[in-house]
Amino acid sequence: MKHRTDQIAIGNDIIGADGATLGKVAQVYPGYIVVEKGFFFPTDYYIPLSTVRNSGDGQIHLAISKDESLQRGWDRLPDDLQMEGIGDTMGAMLTTGSVASRLEAEVDPSDRVAITTRIENADEIRLPLQQEELTATVRPVQGGDVRVSRSVVTERRVANVAIADEQIRVRRRLVDRNIDPTVTTPFEEIVIEIPLRPEEFNALNESRADEELVVTRQTVQRIERVSGAVRREEVFVDDDTRVIDPESSVQ
């Protein structure tokens, strides 16, 4: 389906086939519509009218996706671009490249992000430089269990115990007295039994605590080295200007 340029107005939204918005129409030429991308250094993309699927209600829908549109090299000035209202003088300037340098945004083939744009009549340009910082987050994980158990160990020990034994001591001593017949009978055989009461011991085990084990859990800090790749932006100034002495130019 062929679309006419008079059906497209500046400010219309350009939407890819994937539903993503490329931007707004910045200019309309025969066979092309221009969308301006970027904020600090905007780049013009020349979208051929042949890729327009339909238009209406302030929206222009393309037959290809946004990413595909930005990767087709449409950021360069088309050779067949026809600009309404441009005379022979402007046409000659386009041929020499003086106007083309102001309309064309050159893209580094090795890096599609690096855009070179010529800016004139600007006393101050602010370009923010960003950098990434390496940070790390911590979270608790399962590191294993510590088991503290109490077991019974049997060992042999020796204890000293004082025990009393009873013994019989027999001794003789000289006396000189008469024998009482009522107490003992002379010349009679007798047997005397004397009971002895020795002591014996029983080994007893008595439970008592001589120490205790205290188990506590505490947090100990340690330092880990975290490495990663971070990016930062730098500014490189390529100055190709020449200093001209006004006096040397006077003949």
C-alpha atoms as a PDB file:
ATOM      1  CA  MET A   1       0.000   0.000   0.000  1.00  0.00           C
ATOM      2  CA  LYS A   2       1.420   3.363  -1.072  1.00  0.00           C
ATOM      3  CA  HIS A   3       1.138   6.249   1.392  1.00  0.00           C
ATOM      4  CA  ARG A   4       1.202   9.890   0.414  1.00  0.00           C
ATOM      5  CA  THR A   5       3.233  12.419   2.348  1.00  0.00           C
ATOM      6  CA  ASP A   6       0.212  14.684   2.770  1.00  0.00           C
ATOM      7  CA  GLN A   7      -1.374  11.995   4.937  1.00  0.00           C
ATOM      8  CA  ILE A   8       1.481  12.243   7.450  1.00  0.00           C
ATOM      9  CA  ALA A   9       1.930  15.213   9.789  1.00  0.00           C
ATOM     10  CA  ILE A  10       4.872  16.348  11.871  1.00  0.00           C
ATOM     11  CA  GLY A  11       4.454  15.126  15.429  1.00  0.00           C
ATOM     12  CA  ASN A  12       2.764  11.837  14.528  1.00  0.00           C
ATOM     13  CA  ASP A  13       3.942   8.823  16.557  1.00  0.00           C
ATOM     14  CA  ILE A  14       5.914   6.206  14.624  1.00  0.00           C
ATOM     15  CA  ILE A  15       5.240   2.708  15.966  1.00  0.00           C
ATOM     16  CA  GLY A  16       7.017  -0.490  14.932  1.00  0.00           C
ATOM     17  CA  ALA A  17       5.376  -3.805  14.155  1.00  0.00           C
ATOM     18  CA  ASP A  18       6.251  -4.991  17.682  1.00  0.00           C
ATOM     19  CA  GLY A  19       4.282  -2.122  19.220  1.00  0.00           C
ATOM     20  CA  ALA A  20       7.386  -0.183  20.332  1.00  0.00           C
ATOM     21  CA  THR A  21       7.470   3.538  19.629  1.00  0.00           C
ATOM     22  CA  LEU A  22      10.401   4.834  17.595  1.00  0.00           C
ATOM     23  CA  GLY A  23       9.601   8.492  18.162  1.00  0.00           C
ATOM     24  CA  LYS A  24       7.703  11.334  16.502  1.00  0.00           C
ATOM     25  CA  VAL A  25       7.794  12.577  12.935  1.00  0.00           C
ATOM     26  CA  ALA A  26      10.290  15.428  12.726  1.00  0.00           C
ATOM     27  CA  GLN A  27      10.147  16.056   8.957  1.00  0.00           C
ATOM     28  CA  VAL A  28       8.355  14.721   5.886  1.00  0.00           C
ATOM     29  CA  TYR A  29      10.035  14.337   2.488  1.00  0.00           C
ATOM     30  CA  PRO A  30       8.857  12.690  -0.713  1.00  0.00           C
ATOM     31  CA  GLY A  31       9.413   8.985  -0.110  1.00  0.00           C
ATOM     32  CA  TYR A  32      10.739   9.410   3.452  1.00  0.00           C
ATOM     33  CA  ILE A  33       9.629  10.396   6.938  1.00  0.00           C
ATOM     34  CA  VAL A  34      12.219  11.508   9.488  1.00  0.00           C
ATOM     35  CA  VAL A  35      12.137  10.495  13.167  1.00  0.00           C
ATOM     36  CA  GLU A  36      14.489  12.167  15.622  1.00  0.00           C
ATOM     37  CA  LYS A  37      16.079   9.875  18.232  1.00  0.00           C
ATOM     38  CA  GLY A  38      18.147  10.895  21.227  1.00  0.00           C
ATOM     39  CA  PHE A  39      18.134  13.700  23.779  1.00  0.00           C
ATOM     40  CA  PHE A  40      21.575  15.281  24.114  1.00  0.00           C
ATOM     41  CA  PHE A  41      22.785  14.425  20.590  1.00  0.00           C
ATOM     42  CA  PRO A  42      19.674  13.567  18.539  1.00  0.00           C
ATOM     43  CA  THR A  43      20.019  11.456  15.405  1.00  0.00           C
ATOM     44  CA  ASP A  44      17.660  11.572  12.418  1.00  0.00           C
ATOM     45  CA  TYR A  45      16.392   8.294  10.960  1.00  0.00           C
ATOM     46  CA  TYR A  46      15.014   8.407   7.425  1.00  0.00           C
ATOM     47  CA  ILE A  47      12.180   5.857   7.318  1.00  0.00           C
ATOM     48  CA  PRO A  48      11.097   4.943   3.767  1.00  0.00           C
ATOM     49  CA  LEU A  49       7.397   5.284   3.107  1.00  0.00           C
ATOM     50  CA  SER A  50       7.459   1.785   1.629  1.00  0.00           C
ATOM     51  CA  THR A  51       7.768   0.367   5.159  1.00  0.00           C
ATOM     52  CA  VAL A  52       4.623   2.163   6.406  1.00  0.00           C
ATOM     53  CA  ARG A  53       1.809  -0.322   6.905  1.00  0.00           C
ATOM     54  CA  ASN A  54      -0.977   2.119   7.807  1.00  0.00           C
ATOM     55  CA  SER A  55      -1.493   5.529   9.360  1.00  0.00           C
ATOM     56  CA  GLY A  56      -4.258   7.330  11.166  1.00  0.00           C
ATOM     57  CA  ASP A  57      -5.295   8.982  14.443  1.00  0.00           C
ATOM     58  CA  GLY A  58      -1.881  10.584  14.755  1.00  0.00           C
ATOM     59  CA  GLN A  59      -0.035   7.241  14.532  1.00  0.00           C
ATOM     60  CA  ILE A  60       2.076   5.705  11.806  1.00  0.00           C
ATOM     61  CA  HIS A  61       2.470   1.930  11.987  1.00  0.00           C
ATOM     62  CA  LEU A  62       5.441   0.284  10.283  1.00  0.00           C
ATOM     63  CA  ALA A  63       5.605  -3.193   8.815  1.00  0.00           C
ATOM     64  CA  ILE A  64       8.883  -3.932  10.667  1.00  0.00           C
ATOM     65  CA  SER A  65       9.876  -3.811  14.339  1.00  0.00           C
ATOM     66  CA  LYS A  66      11.589  -0.932  16.094  1.00  0.00           C
ATOM     67  CA  ASP A  67      14.943  -2.720  16.443  1.00  0.00           C
ATOM     68  CA  GLU A  68      14.937  -3.718  12.787  1.00  0.00           C
ATOM     69  CA  SER A  69      14.207  -0.130  11.804  1.00  0.00           C
ATOM     70  CA  LEU A  70      17.148   1.190  13.797  1.00  0.00           C
ATOM     71  CA  GLN A  71      19.543  -1.413  12.399  1.00  0.00           C
ATOM     72  CA  ARG A  72      18.966  -0.858   8.651  1.00  0.00           C
ATOM     73  CA  GLY A  73      21.347   2.085   8.326  1.00  0.00           C
ATOM     74  CA  TRP A  74      18.567   4.614   7.906  1.00  0.00           C
ATOM     75  CA  ASP A  75      20.477   7.078  10.065  1.00  0.00           C
ATOM     76  CA  ARG A  76      22.402   8.206   6.963  1.00  0.00           C
ATOM     77  CA  LEU A  77      21.118  10.720   4.483  1.00  0.00           C
ATOM     78  CA  PRO A  78      19.535   8.834   1.556  1.00  0.00           C
ATOM     79  CA  ASP A  79      21.039   9.462  -1.879  1.00  0.00           C
ATOM     80  CA  ASP A  80      17.608   9.768  -3.485  1.00  0.00           C
ATOM     81  CA  LEU A  81      16.214  12.176  -0.881  1.00  0.00           C
ATOM     82  CA  GLN A  82      14.169  14.913  -2.550  1.00  0.00           C
ATOM     83  CA  MET A  83      13.684  18.038  -0.466  1.00  0.00           C
ATOM     84  CA  GLU A  84      10.800  20.274  -1.438  1.00  0.00           C
ATOM     85  CA  GLY A  85      11.613  23.981  -1.781  1.00  0.00           C
ATOM     86  CA  ILE A  86      15.362  23.507  -2.316  1.00  0.00           C
ATOM     87  CA  GLY A  87      16.728  25.331  -5.385  1.00  0.00           C
ATOM     88  CA  ASP A  88      19.792  24.787  -7.497  1.00  0.00           C
ATOM     89  CA  THR A  89      22.017  26.512  -4.928  1.00  0.00           C
ATOM     90  CA  MET A  90      20.945  24.240  -2.097  1.00  0.00           C
ATOM     91  CA  GLY A  91      21.173  21.267  -4.444  1.00  0.00           C
ATOM     92  CA  ALA A  92      24.773  22.182  -5.192  1.00  0.00           C
ATOM     93  CA  MET A  93      25.492  22.512  -1.470  1.00  0.00           C
ATOM     94  CA  LEU A  94      24.065  19.055  -0.931  1.00  0.00           C
ATOM     95  CA  THR A  95      26.427  17.783  -3.628  1.00  0.00           C
ATOM     96  CA  THR A  96      29.463  19.346  -1.949  1.00  0.00           C
ATOM     97  CA  GLY A  97      28.357  18.039   1.421  1.00  0.00           C
ATOM     98  CA  SER A  98      28.054  21.355   3.343  1.00  0.00           C
ATOM     99  CA  VAL A  99      24.355  20.803   4.052  1.00  0.00           C
ATOM    100  CA  ALA A 100      24.692  17.058   4.307  1.00  0.00           C
ATOM    101  CA  SER A 101      27.146  17.465   7.175  1.00  0.00           C
ATOM    102  CA  ARG A 102      24.425  19.288   9.098  1.00  0.00           C
ATOM    103  CA  LEU A 103      21.715  16.730   8.397  1.00  0.00           C
ATOM    104  CA  GLU A 104      23.634  13.449   8.550  1.00  0.00           C
ATOM    105  CA  ALA A 105      24.429  11.737  11.837  1.00  0.00           C
ATOM    106  CA  GLU A 106      27.418   9.517  11.271  1.00  0.00           C
ATOM    107  CA  VAL A 107      27.465   6.172  13.039  1.00  0.00           C
ATOM    108  CA  ASP A 108      30.645   4.344  13.911  1.00  0.00           C
ATOM    109  CA  PRO A 109      30.303   0.910  12.256  1.00  0.00           C
ATOM    110  CA  SER A 110      32.188  -0.750  15.114  1.00  0.00           C
ATOM    111  CA  ASP A 111      29.925   0.717  17.780  1.00  0.00           C
ATOM    112  CA  ARG A 112      26.296   1.441  16.984  1.00  0.00           C
ATOM    113  CA  VAL A 113      25.970   3.375  20.261  1.00  0.00           C
ATOM    114  CA  ALA A 114      28.621   6.003  19.432  1.00  0.00           C
ATOM    115  CA  ILE A 115      26.879   8.791  17.517  1.00  0.00           C
ATOM    116  CA  THR A 116      28.765  11.711  15.974  1.00  0.00           C
ATOM    117  CA  THR A 117      26.578  14.774  15.534  1.00  0.00           C
ATOM    118  CA  ARG A 118      27.522  18.255  14.466  1.00  0.00           C
ATOM    119  CA  ILE A 119      26.099  20.942  16.767  1.00  0.00           C
ATOM    120  CA  GLU A 120      26.298  24.619  15.895  1.00  0.00           C
ATOM    121  CA  ASN A 121      25.229  27.839  17.630  1.00  0.00           C
ATOM    122  CA  ALA A 122      25.556  26.314  21.131  1.00  0.00           C
ATOM    123  CA  ASP A 123      27.534  28.241  23.751  1.00  0.00           C
ATOM    124  CA  GLU A 124      27.199  25.502  26.396  1.00  0.00           C
ATOM    125  CA  ILE A 125      26.706  21.757  26.101  1.00  0.00           C
ATOM    126  CA  ARG A 126      26.117  19.618  29.171  1.00  0.00           C
ATOM    127  CA  LEU A 127      27.008  15.966  28.827  1.00  0.00           C
ATOM    128  CA  PRO A 128      26.566  13.867  31.975  1.00  0.00           C
ATOM    129  CA  LEU A 129      29.236  11.232  32.624  1.00  0.00           C
ATOM    130  CA  GLN A 130      28.056   8.104  34.359  1.00  0.00           C
ATOM    131  CA  GLN A 131      29.900   5.318  36.067  1.00  0.00           C
ATOM    132  CA  GLU A 132      28.952   2.077  37.726  1.00  0.00           C
ATOM    133  CA  GLU A 133      29.869   1.138  41.272  1.00  0.00           C
ATOM    134  CA  LEU A 134      30.499  -2.392  42.451  1.00  0.00           C
ATOM    135  CA  THR A 135      28.385  -3.284  45.451  1.00  0.00           C
ATOM    136  CA  ALA A 136      27.454  -6.561  47.076  1.00  0.00           C
ATOM    137  CA  THR A 137      24.478  -7.783  49.034  1.00  0.00           C
ATOM    138  CA  VAL A 138      24.542 -10.481  51.689  1.00  0.00           C
ATOM    139  CA  ARG A 139      21.897 -13.015  52.549  1.00  0.00           C
ATOM    140  CA  PRO A 140      21.842 -15.914  55.004  1.00  0.00           C
ATOM    141  CA  VAL A 141      22.320 -19.376  53.545  1.00  0.00           C
ATOM    142  CA  GLN A 142      22.378 -22.879  54.987  1.00  0.00           C
ATOM    143  CA  GLY A 143      26.001 -23.485  55.934  1.00  0.00           C
ATOM    144  CA  GLY A 144      25.627 -26.810  57.750  1.00  0.00           C
ATOM    145  CA  ASP A 145      24.928 -27.943  61.317  1.00  0.00           C
ATOM    146  CA  VAL A 146      27.211 -28.125  64.341  1.00  0.00           C
ATOM    147  CA  ARG A 147      26.373 -31.068  66.615  1.00  0.00           C
ATOM    148  CA  VAL A 148      27.371 -31.050  70.287  1.00  0.00           C
ATOM    149  CA  SER A 149      26.705 -34.431  71.913  1.00  0.00           C
ATOM    150  CA  ARG A 150      27.344 -35.899  75.368  1.00  0.00           C
ATOM    151  CA  SER A 151      28.567 -39.482  75.608  1.00  0.00           C
ATOM    152  CA  VAL A 152      29.408 -41.805  78.510  1.00  0.00           C
ATOM    153  CA  VAL A 153      33.024 -42.941  78.898  1.00  0.00           C
ATOM    154  CA  THR A 154      33.944 -45.705  81.382  1.00  0.00           C
ATOM    155  CA  GLU A 155      37.363 -45.631  82.993  1.00  0.00           C
ATOM    156  CA  ARG A 156      38.947 -47.446  85.952  1.00  0.00           C
ATOM    157  CA  ARG A 157      40.039 -45.495  89.029  1.00  0.00           C
ATOM    158  CA  VAL A 158      41.572 -46.426  92.419  1.00  0.00           C
ATOM    159  CA  ALA A 159      40.315 -44.946  95.710  1.00  0.00           C
ATOM    160  CA  ASN A 160      41.942 -45.295  99.175  1.00  0.00           C
ATOM    161  CA  VAL A 161      39.540 -46.331 101.976  1.00  0.00           C
ATOM    162  CA  ALA A 162      40.467 -46.574 105.715  1.00  0.00           C
ATOM    163  CA  ILE A 163      39.212 -49.894 107.181  1.00  0.00           C
ATOM    164  CA  ALA A 164      39.489 -51.006 110.863  1.00  0.00           C
ATOM    165  CA  ASP A 165      40.299 -54.648 111.698  1.00  0.00           C
ATOM    166  CA  GLU A 166      40.062 -56.303 115.171  1.00  0.00           C
ATOM    167  CA  GLN A 167      42.929 -58.505 116.302  1.00  0.00           C
ATOM    168  CA  ILE A 168      43.673 -60.658 119.394  1.00  0.00           C
ATOM    169  CA  ARG A 169      46.727 -59.895 121.411  1.00  0.00           C
ATOM    170  CA  VAL A 170      47.846 -62.467 123.932  1.00  0.00           C
ATOM    171  CA  ARG A 171      50.550 -61.725 126.465  1.00  0.00           C
ATOM    172  CA  ARG A 172      51.730 -63.114 129.800  1.00  0.00           C
ATOM    173  CA  ARG A 173      52.541 -61.348 133.019  1.00  0.00           C
ATOM    174  CA  LEU A 174      53.666 -62.555 136.405  1.00  0.00           C
ATOM    175  CA  VAL A 175      51.210 -62.530 139.365  1.00  0.00           C
ATOM    176  CA  ASP A 176      51.252 -63.847 142.922  1.00  0.00           C
ATOM    177  CA  ARG A 177      47.786 -64.441 144.298  1.00  0.00           C
ATOM    178  CA  ASN A 178      45.461 -67.306 145.341  1.00  0.00           C
ATOM    179  CA  ILE A 179      42.914 -68.737 142.932  1.00  0.00           C
ATOM    180  CA  ASP A 180      39.280 -68.213 143.760  1.00  0.00           C
ATOM    181  CA  PRO A 181      37.493 -71.567 143.273  1.00  0.00           C
ATOM    182  CA  THR A 182      34.257 -69.782 142.534  1.00  0.00           C
ATOM    183  CA  VAL A 183      35.712 -68.074 139.548  1.00  0.00           C
ATOM    184  CA  THR A 184      37.576 -70.849 137.823  1.00  0.00           C
ATOM    185  CA  THR A 185      38.099 -74.497 138.373  1.00  0.00           C
ATOM    186  CA  PRO A 186      41.689 -75.454 138.797  1.00  0.00           C
ATOM    187  CA  PHE A 187      43.183 -77.817 136.312  1.00  0.00           C
ATOM    188  CA  GLU A 188      40.213 -77.780 133.913  1.00  0.00           C
ATOM    189  CA  GLU A 189      40.581 -77.483 130.158  1.00  0.00           C
ATOM    190  CA  ILE A 190      38.606 -74.509 128.771  1.00  0.00           C
ATOM    191  CA  VAL A 191      38.083 -72.851 125.350  1.00  0.00           C
ATOM    192  CA  ILE A 192      37.361 -69.138 125.111  1.00  0.00           C
ATOM    193  CA  GLU A 193      35.752 -67.723 121.926  1.00  0.00           C
ATOM    194  CA  ILE A 194      36.257 -64.041 121.261  1.00  0.00           C
ATOM    195  CA  PRO A 195      34.292 -62.602 118.266  1.00  0.00           C
ATOM    196  CA  LEU A 196      36.205 -60.233 116.009  1.00  0.00           C
ATOM    197  CA  ARG A 197      34.408 -57.449 114.068  1.00  0.00           C
ATOM    198  CA  PRO A 198      36.543 -56.307 111.135  1.00  0.00           C
ATOM    199  CA  GLU A 199      35.288 -53.643 108.662  1.00  0.00           C
ATOM    200  CA  GLU A 200      34.675 -54.215 104.965  1.00  0.00           C
ATOM    201  CA  PHE A 201      33.996 -51.765 102.129  1.00  0.00           C
ATOM    202  CA  ASN A 202      31.502 -51.507  99.305  1.00  0.00           C
ATOM    203  CA  ALA A 203      32.441 -49.599  96.140  1.00  0.00           C
ATOM    204  CA  LEU A 204      29.771 -46.997  95.408  1.00  0.00           C
ATOM    205  CA  ASN A 205      29.519 -44.576  92.483  1.00  0.00           C
ATOM    206  CA  GLU A 206      28.250 -41.158  93.389  1.00  0.00           C
ATOM    207  CA  SER A 207      27.256 -38.756  90.598  1.00  0.00           C
ATOM    208  CA  ARG A 208      28.455 -35.192  90.928  1.00  0.00           C
ATOM    209  CA  ALA A 209      29.139 -32.374  88.444  1.00  0.00           C
ATOM    210  CA  ASP A 210      32.663 -31.026  88.369  1.00  0.00           C
ATOM    211  CA  GLU A 211      32.260 -28.834  85.211  1.00  0.00           C
ATOM    212  CA  GLU A 212      29.622 -27.762  82.702  1.00  0.00           C
ATOM    213  CA  LEU A 213      29.629 -27.050  78.979  1.00  0.00           C
ATOM    214  CA  VAL A 214      28.090 -23.779  77.804  1.00  0.00           C
ATOM    215  CA  VAL A 215      27.177 -23.626  74.086  1.00  0.00           C
ATOM    216  CA  THR A 216      26.366 -20.239  72.546  1.00  0.00           C
ATOM    217  CA  ARG A 217      25.982 -19.021  68.953  1.00  0.00           C
ATOM    218  CA  GLN A 218      27.607 -15.758  67.881  1.00  0.00           C
ATOM    219  CA  THR A 219      28.173 -13.867  64.616  1.00  0.00           C
ATOM    220  CA  VAL A 220      31.745 -13.322  63.450  1.00  0.00           C
ATOM    221  CA  GLN A 221      32.484 -10.858  60.645  1.00  0.00           C
ATOM    222  CA  ARG A 222      34.898 -11.804  57.857  1.00  0.00           C
ATOM    223  CA  ILE A 223      36.014  -9.991  54.728  1.00  0.00           C
ATOM    224  CA  GLU A 224      35.405 -11.485  51.282  1.00  0.00           C
ATOM    225  CA  ARG A 225      36.812 -10.013  48.057  1.00  0.00           C
ATOM    226  CA  VAL A 226      34.133  -9.371  45.446  1.00  0.00           C
ATOM    227  CA  SER A 227      35.272  -8.626  41.907  1.00  0.00           C
ATOM    228  CA  GLY A 228      33.255  -7.605  38.892  1.00  0.00           C
ATOM    229  CA  ALA A 229      33.357  -5.503  35.750  1.00  0.00           C
ATOM    230  CA  VAL A 230      32.033  -1.957  36.022  1.00  0.00           C
ATOM    231  CA  ARG A 231      31.674   0.662  33.333  1.00  0.00           C
ATOM    232  CA  ARG A 232      32.268   4.384  33.336  1.00  0.00           C
ATOM    233  CA  GLU A 233      32.075   7.117  30.788  1.00  0.00           C
ATOM    234  CA  GLU A 234      35.041   9.245  29.783  1.00  0.00           C
ATOM    235  CA  VAL A 235      35.393  12.283  27.577  1.00  0.00           C
ATOM    236  CA  PHE A 236      37.912  12.420  24.728  1.00  0.00           C
ATOM    237  CA  VAL A 237      38.368  15.734  22.935  1.00  0.00           C
ATOM    238  CA  ASP A 238      39.617  15.552  19.352  1.00  0.00           C
ATOM    239  CA  ASP A 239      40.622  19.131  18.552  1.00  0.00           C
ATOM    240  CA  ASP A 240      41.372  19.710  14.880  1.00  0.00           C
ATOM    241  CA  THR A 241      40.934  23.494  14.953  1.00  0.00           C
ATOM    242  CA  ARG A 242      43.694  25.788  13.754  1.00  0.00           C
ATOM    243  CA  VAL A 243      44.757  29.063  15.354  1.00  0.00           C
ATOM    244  CA  ILE A 244      44.701  31.822  12.731  1.00  0.00           C
ATOM    245  CA  ASP A 245      46.700  34.996  13.269  1.00  0.00           C
ATOM    246  CA  PRO A 246      44.581  37.893  11.961  1.00  0.00           C
ATOM    247  CA  GLU A 247      47.685  39.920  11.081  1.00  0.00           C
ATOM    248  CA  SER A 248      49.209  37.130   9.006  1.00  0.00           C
ATOM    249  CA  SER A 249      46.088  36.984   6.847  1.00  0.00           C
ATOM    250  CA  VAL A 250      46.395  40.635   5.841  1.00  0.00           C
ATOM    251  CA  GLN A 251      48.301  40.993   2.550  1.00  0.00           C
END
